Amino acid sequence: MVSLELFRLGDVYLDYRFEGMKFRFDKATSRVFVRFYGQPEVEIAQSDVHFREAISAGTVITKDQYLSDESSQ
């Protein structure tokens, strides 16, 4: 499980390999974005089920890993 403290400290990037998705939480605006591997990002609601699952079962990644079209290993 991702520490919720990270969301108070700054931007958070998550990889949710199970669904082939990556998430970005923008702390300045409290907005959440998702990008499927190889696709551009789109904004989603913080209540999105996949985002919540990524918080529970995903992996924290770097900004560079988020922007990469490769899956994080």
C-alpha atoms as a PDB file:
ATOM      1  CA  MET A   1       0.000   0.000   0.000  1.00  0.00           C
ATOM      2  CA  VAL A   2       1.245   3.453  -0.917  1.00  0.00           C
ATOM      3  CA  SER A   3       1.713   5.731   2.075  1.00  0.00           C
ATOM      4  CA  LEU A   4      -0.922   8.459   1.968  1.00  0.00           C
ATOM      5  CA  GLU A   5       1.716  10.794   3.440  1.00  0.00           C
ATOM      6  CA  LEU A   6       3.307  10.929  -0.034  1.00  0.00           C
ATOM      7  CA  PHE A   7       0.248  12.758  -1.364  1.00  0.00           C
ATOM      8  CA  ARG A   8       0.738  15.527   1.190  1.00  0.00           C
ATOM      9  CA  LEU A   9       4.417  15.917   0.326  1.00  0.00           C
ATOM     10  CA  GLY A  10       4.227  16.428  -3.434  1.00  0.00           C
ATOM     11  CA  ASP A  11       3.394  14.942  -6.801  1.00  0.00           C
ATOM     12  CA  VAL A  12       2.952  11.161  -6.797  1.00  0.00           C
ATOM     13  CA  TYR A  13       3.481   8.762  -9.698  1.00  0.00           C
ATOM     14  CA  LEU A  14       2.102   5.213  -9.579  1.00  0.00           C
ATOM     15  CA  ASP A  15       2.393   2.191 -11.814  1.00  0.00           C
ATOM     16  CA  TYR A  16      -0.516  -0.249 -11.752  1.00  0.00           C
ATOM     17  CA  ARG A  17       0.906  -3.074 -13.859  1.00  0.00           C
ATOM     18  CA  PHE A  18      -2.122  -5.342 -13.356  1.00  0.00           C
ATOM     19  CA  GLU A  19      -4.171  -3.038 -15.614  1.00  0.00           C
ATOM     20  CA  GLY A  20      -1.304  -1.545 -17.668  1.00  0.00           C
ATOM     21  CA  MET A  21      -1.910   1.918 -16.239  1.00  0.00           C
ATOM     22  CA  LYS A  22       0.142   4.694 -14.703  1.00  0.00           C
ATOM     23  CA  PHE A  23      -1.211   7.486 -12.544  1.00  0.00           C
ATOM     24  CA  ARG A  24      -0.037  10.992 -11.697  1.00  0.00           C
ATOM     25  CA  PHE A  25      -1.321  12.997  -8.750  1.00  0.00           C
ATOM     26  CA  ASP A  26      -0.608  16.714  -9.149  1.00  0.00           C
ATOM     27  CA  LYS A  27      -0.346  18.124  -5.642  1.00  0.00           C
ATOM     28  CA  ALA A  28      -0.646  21.788  -6.689  1.00  0.00           C
ATOM     29  CA  THR A  29      -4.078  21.243  -8.250  1.00  0.00           C
ATOM     30  CA  SER A  30      -5.133  17.985  -6.510  1.00  0.00           C
ATOM     31  CA  ARG A  31      -5.872  16.559  -9.964  1.00  0.00           C
ATOM     32  CA  VAL A  32      -5.307  12.944 -11.004  1.00  0.00           C
ATOM     33  CA  PHE A  33      -4.240  11.760 -14.437  1.00  0.00           C
ATOM     34  CA  VAL A  34      -3.990   8.291 -15.936  1.00  0.00           C
ATOM     35  CA  ARG A  35      -2.103   6.994 -18.923  1.00  0.00           C
ATOM     36  CA  PHE A  36      -2.303   3.514 -20.315  1.00  0.00           C
ATOM     37  CA  TYR A  37       1.065   2.218 -21.455  1.00  0.00           C
ATOM     38  CA  GLY A  38       1.940   3.927 -24.725  1.00  0.00           C
ATOM     39  CA  GLN A  39      -0.997   6.369 -24.572  1.00  0.00           C
ATOM     40  CA  PRO A  40      -1.299  10.067 -23.647  1.00  0.00           C
ATOM     41  CA  GLU A  41      -2.594  10.955 -20.196  1.00  0.00           C
ATOM     42  CA  VAL A  42      -6.154  12.006 -19.421  1.00  0.00           C
ATOM     43  CA  GLU A  43      -7.629  13.500 -16.288  1.00  0.00           C
ATOM     44  CA  ILE A  44      -9.782  11.294 -14.061  1.00  0.00           C
ATOM     45  CA  ALA A  45     -11.655  11.725 -10.778  1.00  0.00           C
ATOM     46  CA  GLN A  46      -9.819  11.063  -7.524  1.00  0.00           C
ATOM     47  CA  SER A  47     -12.579   8.567  -6.763  1.00  0.00           C
ATOM     48  CA  ASP A  48     -11.720   6.446  -9.839  1.00  0.00           C
ATOM     49  CA  VAL A  49     -11.708   2.773  -8.847  1.00  0.00           C
ATOM     50  CA  HIS A  50      -8.468   2.009 -10.670  1.00  0.00           C
ATOM     51  CA  PHE A  51      -6.689   4.932  -9.007  1.00  0.00           C
ATOM     52  CA  ARG A  52      -7.831   3.651  -5.607  1.00  0.00           C
ATOM     53  CA  GLU A  53      -6.631   0.151  -6.496  1.00  0.00           C
ATOM     54  CA  ALA A  54      -3.266   1.568  -7.593  1.00  0.00           C
ATOM     55  CA  ILE A  55      -2.904   3.238  -4.193  1.00  0.00           C
ATOM     56  CA  SER A  56      -3.537  -0.132  -2.555  1.00  0.00           C
ATOM     57  CA  ALA A  57      -1.604  -2.418  -4.881  1.00  0.00           C
ATOM     58  CA  GLY A  58       0.470  -0.245  -7.219  1.00  0.00           C
ATOM     59  CA  THR A  59       4.107   0.790  -7.142  1.00  0.00           C
ATOM     60  CA  VAL A  60       5.501   4.272  -6.608  1.00  0.00           C
ATOM     61  CA  ILE A  61       7.574   5.273  -9.645  1.00  0.00           C
ATOM     62  CA  THR A  62       9.547   8.309 -10.787  1.00  0.00           C
ATOM     63  CA  LYS A  63       8.328  11.024 -13.136  1.00  0.00           C
ATOM     64  CA  ASP A  64      10.638   9.661 -15.843  1.00  0.00           C
ATOM     65  CA  GLN A  65       9.153   6.176 -15.448  1.00  0.00           C
ATOM     66  CA  TYR A  66       5.661   7.669 -15.653  1.00  0.00           C
ATOM     67  CA  LEU A  67       6.495   9.456 -18.901  1.00  0.00           C
ATOM     68  CA  SER A  68       8.164   6.378 -20.402  1.00  0.00           C
ATOM     69  CA  ASP A  69       6.167   4.133 -22.708  1.00  0.00           C
ATOM     70  CA  GLU A  70       7.764   1.116 -21.027  1.00  0.00           C
ATOM     71  CA  SER A  71       6.160  -0.649 -18.105  1.00  0.00           C
ATOM     72  CA  SER A  72       8.006  -0.219 -14.818  1.00  0.00           C
ATOM     73  CA  GLN A  73       9.709  -3.385 -13.630  1.00  0.00           C
END
